[in-house]
Amino acid sequence: MNRCKISLFYSLNYLYCMRNALLILSVLMTGNILGQTSVYPGGFGLRSTMGFSVPPAASQKHLIGAHAYGFEFNYRYNFSGVKEWEKHYRYPYSGFAVQFLSLGGKLIGNSYNIMPYIGLPINKNRIFDSHFRLSSGLSYMSQKFDLARNRNNTLIGSHANIVADIMLQIHWKIDRKVHLLTGLSLTHFSNGAFTQPQTSFVVLGINAGLTINTGRPVAVNNYSFPILDKGIKLVIWSGMWRKEAGTFTSSKYTAAVLGINALKRYSIKGAYGAGIDAFLDQSLEARKTDAGTFRIGALLAYEILLGRMSIPIQQGFYLVNPLKSDGLLYQRIGWRYHLNSAFAAQLSLKFHNLKNDHAELGLVYTLKP
């Protein structure tokens, strides 16, 4: 009997310790939101990049004649926990960056980028802060494919492009206001197949720079945690784009989508769900398909929630697909800006097995449960 009591005691004690460990882990995963007392209201920084461009095909490697390099000026605003999501992301920051990149050769030239961004802290201590910085904006390319003047540049199809930049940063605290920045970056360019050849390549880089905080520290808000509505919401959205069909002199065709998603919010940071897409792609006719221009797909969805901004990430598979060479699977990633509780604007990229198919610009409507 005593052994049973001892065994029961140790079992209950083990469960109690596991409970406390899970509680501590949950606090860490939501950002250690009670460990910080103040933030600087803003700051500005300089960043230099050295790396190399990676074309999508081995046959295009000869276009890269040198290392890529560049620099950036940025300004940022630090969130202080006024809204609930800011606490759970360890008081992130958002800002605006102006960037120049030499892409690595005379044929492909330079890019001039304007990018809003958001920074999501991973860890904070007295020595350094680590962050993910997500940026997306517009890029102007100095060189592009031209049948008469630059026909060898099969990497860049248009001057105007969409640029996305992902960085893993470490801010070394050499002073309260002055931080030394080091990091790794991946910069992706795409014109969404609007013009062929389709711009779709990345620049991998190592980064160094300086960040200077401005103003006087302001107290953060660590309190007033919300009760989340975790019901299932229906999201209806539609987007469209114009694309070429794979030749350098082809006409442009309409590509459109109508989607319905069911999303369940599981925390203040995210939601998951599933959905159905109906596609119209007129370029399928130009690609010599006889089964029509419509596709139907089913998908699994995850959405990262960042206040008014969110990042939909979706993995889909075709139920009806007249062009088998595109494969069974498609992917989507993008940005949503929520205008109010019902409407949002969306810009996303659709891929076939991570190869860019086209962009999608559209409107999102959320039905109230």
Foldseek 3Di string as FASTA:
>chain_A
DVVVVVVVVVVVVVVVVVVVVVVVVVCLQLAVLVPDWWDFQWWKKKKKKWFAWDFPDPVLPVQAAAIKIWMKIKIKGWAFAPDPSCSSQNTKIKIKMWMKMAHGHPLFGIKTWIWIKIWGWNDDDDFKTKIKIKIKGKMATPHADDPVPRPSRQQHFHRIWIKIKIKIWMWGPPDPFKTKIKIKMKMWIFRFQQAGPTHTIITIIIMIIMMGGDDDIDTGDSDDHDDDDFDKWKKWKKWKDWHAQHDRPGDIWIKMKIKIWIWGDPDQFKIWTKIKMKMFTPSVVVVPFDPHRIWIKIWIWMWTDDPQKIKIKIKIFTPDDRDCVLPGIKIKIWMWGHPDPFKIWIWMFMHRVPHTNGIITIMMGMDDD
